[in-house]
Amino acid sequence: MLCTIDPIEIEDATENISPWTATYVCTLSDWCGNAAIYKMEPAHCGYDRVVVSAISNGIAHETYIFGLNDKGETNFSELNGSIQGTTSHVQVLSAIGYIVK
C-alpha cells in the first residue's frame, strides 16, 4: 500500500457537532479511485484506522469504508457507513457521526 501525504478537499462539516473525529492521515496512491486513511477517535467497528475509498465509473458511484489493522493490512469486508450515490469522504464519515479533520 503506497501512502502519500497530499492535500485533499475537505468539505465543510461544521454542522456536525459530534466529539468523534476522523483525522485525515494520507492518500493511497495505489488504489483505484480516491482512497485515504483516517484515524478514528473513537474506533469505528473496532478499527482505530480506516480506509475510505470512493469510486465513480459507469458501474459504480459509491464510497466504502474498510478497516485497517495494526500491520497496515486492509480488511476488505465493507464496514457500516459505506454509502452508494456519493464519492464524498466527508459525507460518509459525517453520516456515521464523525467530524473530519
C-alpha atoms as a PDB file:
ATOM      1  CA  MET A   1       0.000   0.000   0.000  1.00  0.00           C
ATOM      2  CA  LEU A   2       1.537   3.296  -1.088  1.00  0.00           C
ATOM      3  CA  CYS A   3       0.622   6.202   1.143  1.00  0.00           C
ATOM      4  CA  THR A   4       1.363   9.765   0.155  1.00  0.00           C
ATOM      5  CA  ILE A   5       0.622  12.900   2.108  1.00  0.00           C
ATOM      6  CA  ASP A   6      -1.333  15.060  -0.296  1.00  0.00           C
ATOM      7  CA  PRO A   7      -3.781  17.804   0.473  1.00  0.00           C
ATOM      8  CA  ILE A   8      -7.369  16.752  -0.198  1.00  0.00           C
ATOM      9  CA  GLU A   9     -10.503  18.793  -0.366  1.00  0.00           C
ATOM     10  CA  ILE A  10     -12.310  18.603   2.946  1.00  0.00           C
ATOM     11  CA  GLU A  11     -15.834  19.856   2.612  1.00  0.00           C
ATOM     12  CA  ASP A  12     -17.404  21.992   5.304  1.00  0.00           C
ATOM     13  CA  ALA A  13     -18.511  19.661   8.079  1.00  0.00           C
ATOM     14  CA  THR A  14     -19.070  22.334  10.724  1.00  0.00           C
ATOM     15  CA  GLU A  15     -22.745  21.447  11.217  1.00  0.00           C
ATOM     16  CA  ASN A  16     -21.742  18.106  12.728  1.00  0.00           C
ATOM     17  CA  ILE A  17     -21.053  18.823  16.415  1.00  0.00           C
ATOM     18  CA  SER A  18     -20.045  15.283  17.359  1.00  0.00           C
ATOM     19  CA  PRO A  19     -16.988  14.892  19.622  1.00  0.00           C
ATOM     20  CA  TRP A  20     -15.946  11.977  17.378  1.00  0.00           C
ATOM     21  CA  THR A  21     -13.172  12.773  14.913  1.00  0.00           C
ATOM     22  CA  ALA A  22     -11.857  11.215  11.713  1.00  0.00           C
ATOM     23  CA  THR A  23      -8.430  12.716  11.107  1.00  0.00           C
ATOM     24  CA  TYR A  24      -7.026  12.541   7.572  1.00  0.00           C
ATOM     25  CA  VAL A  25      -3.692  10.696   7.538  1.00  0.00           C
ATOM     26  CA  CYS A  26      -2.760  10.239   3.882  1.00  0.00           C
ATOM     27  CA  THR A  27      -3.953   9.471   0.354  1.00  0.00           C
ATOM     28  CA  LEU A  28      -3.440   5.964  -1.001  1.00  0.00           C
ATOM     29  CA  SER A  29      -1.915   6.440  -4.436  1.00  0.00           C
ATOM     30  CA  ASP A  30      -2.036   2.780  -5.470  1.00  0.00           C
ATOM     31  CA  TRP A  31      -5.823   2.357  -5.105  1.00  0.00           C
ATOM     32  CA  CYS A  32      -8.389   2.834  -7.845  1.00  0.00           C
ATOM     33  CA  GLY A  33     -10.469   5.948  -7.305  1.00  0.00           C
ATOM     34  CA  ASN A  34      -9.954   8.298  -4.364  1.00  0.00           C
ATOM     35  CA  ALA A  35      -8.791   6.420  -1.245  1.00  0.00           C
ATOM     36  CA  ALA A  36      -7.395   7.772   2.020  1.00  0.00           C
ATOM     37  CA  ILE A  37      -6.571   6.617   5.533  1.00  0.00           C
ATOM     38  CA  TYR A  38      -8.302   8.254   8.501  1.00  0.00           C
ATOM     39  CA  LYS A  39      -7.551   7.908  12.225  1.00  0.00           C
ATOM     40  CA  MET A  40     -10.837   7.333  14.029  1.00  0.00           C
ATOM     41  CA  GLU A  41     -11.478   8.572  17.575  1.00  0.00           C
ATOM     42  CA  PRO A  42     -13.249   6.623  18.937  1.00  0.00           C
ATOM     43  CA  ALA A  43     -12.639   3.493  16.869  1.00  0.00           C
ATOM     44  CA  HIS A  44     -15.221   2.634  14.191  1.00  0.00           C
ATOM     45  CA  CYS A  45     -16.362  -1.008  14.224  1.00  0.00           C
ATOM     46  CA  GLY A  46     -13.256  -1.853  16.267  1.00  0.00           C
ATOM     47  CA  TYR A  47     -10.780  -0.110  13.937  1.00  0.00           C
ATOM     48  CA  ASP A  48      -8.643   2.876  15.004  1.00  0.00           C
ATOM     49  CA  ARG A  49      -7.734   3.468  11.349  1.00  0.00           C
ATOM     50  CA  VAL A  50      -9.915   3.028   8.289  1.00  0.00           C
ATOM     51  CA  VAL A  51      -9.567   3.338   4.547  1.00  0.00           C
ATOM     52  CA  VAL A  52     -12.301   5.381   2.874  1.00  0.00           C
ATOM     53  CA  SER A  53     -12.435   4.570  -0.830  1.00  0.00           C
ATOM     54  CA  ALA A  54     -14.612   6.427  -3.346  1.00  0.00           C
ATOM     55  CA  ILE A  55     -15.154   5.272  -6.905  1.00  0.00           C
ATOM     56  CA  SER A  56     -17.259   6.633  -9.727  1.00  0.00           C
ATOM     57  CA  ASN A  57     -17.475   4.897 -13.087  1.00  0.00           C
ATOM     58  CA  GLY A  58     -20.138   3.513 -15.408  1.00  0.00           C
ATOM     59  CA  ILE A  59     -20.906   0.709 -12.955  1.00  0.00           C
ATOM     60  CA  ALA A  60     -20.497   2.229  -9.502  1.00  0.00           C
ATOM     61  CA  HIS A  61     -20.779   5.600  -7.764  1.00  0.00           C
ATOM     62  CA  GLU A  62     -20.110   4.871  -4.103  1.00  0.00           C
ATOM     63  CA  THR A  63     -17.853   5.257  -1.112  1.00  0.00           C
ATOM     64  CA  TYR A  64     -16.708   2.343   1.037  1.00  0.00           C
ATOM     65  CA  ILE A  65     -15.190   2.159   4.497  1.00  0.00           C
ATOM     66  CA  PHE A  66     -12.705  -0.648   5.231  1.00  0.00           C
ATOM     67  CA  GLY A  67     -10.830  -1.475   8.426  1.00  0.00           C
ATOM     68  CA  LEU A  68      -7.044  -1.188   8.608  1.00  0.00           C
ATOM     69  CA  ASN A  69      -5.221  -3.410  11.110  1.00  0.00           C
ATOM     70  CA  ASP A  70      -2.068  -2.629  13.120  1.00  0.00           C
ATOM     71  CA  LYS A  71       0.111  -4.150  10.365  1.00  0.00           C
ATOM     72  CA  GLY A  72      -1.374  -1.782   7.784  1.00  0.00           C
ATOM     73  CA  GLU A  73      -3.383  -4.542   6.106  1.00  0.00           C
ATOM     74  CA  THR A  74      -6.838  -3.718   4.791  1.00  0.00           C
ATOM     75  CA  ASN A  75      -9.819  -5.872   5.753  1.00  0.00           C
ATOM     76  CA  PHE A  76     -11.939  -5.734   2.608  1.00  0.00           C
ATOM     77  CA  SER A  77     -15.170  -6.553   4.432  1.00  0.00           C
ATOM     78  CA  GLU A  78     -17.261  -3.415   3.956  1.00  0.00           C
ATOM     79  CA  LEU A  79     -17.857  -1.621   7.280  1.00  0.00           C
ATOM     80  CA  ASN A  80     -21.027   0.080   8.471  1.00  0.00           C
ATOM     81  CA  GLY A  81     -21.358   3.531   6.922  1.00  0.00           C
ATOM     82  CA  SER A  82     -20.479   2.781   3.299  1.00  0.00           C
ATOM     83  CA  ILE A  83     -22.854   4.690   1.004  1.00  0.00           C
ATOM     84  CA  GLN A  84     -23.912   4.368  -2.627  1.00  0.00           C
ATOM     85  CA  GLY A  85     -24.592   7.534  -4.644  1.00  0.00           C
ATOM     86  CA  THR A  86     -21.723   9.658  -3.289  1.00  0.00           C
ATOM     87  CA  THR A  87     -17.968   9.896  -3.609  1.00  0.00           C
ATOM     88  CA  SER A  88     -17.558  12.292  -0.669  1.00  0.00           C
ATOM     89  CA  HIS A  89     -15.386  11.011   2.161  1.00  0.00           C
ATOM     90  CA  VAL A  90     -16.725  13.779   4.394  1.00  0.00           C
ATOM     91  CA  GLN A  91     -20.365  12.910   3.698  1.00  0.00           C
ATOM     92  CA  VAL A  92     -19.810   9.230   4.507  1.00  0.00           C
ATOM     93  CA  LEU A  93     -17.817   9.879   7.691  1.00  0.00           C
ATOM     94  CA  SER A  94     -20.224  12.594   8.845  1.00  0.00           C
ATOM     95  CA  ALA A  95     -23.164  10.241   8.327  1.00  0.00           C
ATOM     96  CA  ILE A  96     -21.702   7.871  10.934  1.00  0.00           C
ATOM     97  CA  GLY A  97     -21.101  10.694  13.412  1.00  0.00           C
ATOM     98  CA  TYR A  98     -17.518  11.814  12.809  1.00  0.00           C
ATOM     99  CA  ILE A  99     -16.128  15.294  12.186  1.00  0.00           C
ATOM    100  CA  VAL A 100     -13.424  15.150   9.502  1.00  0.00           C
ATOM    101  CA  LYS A 101     -10.193  16.992  10.247  1.00  0.00           C
END
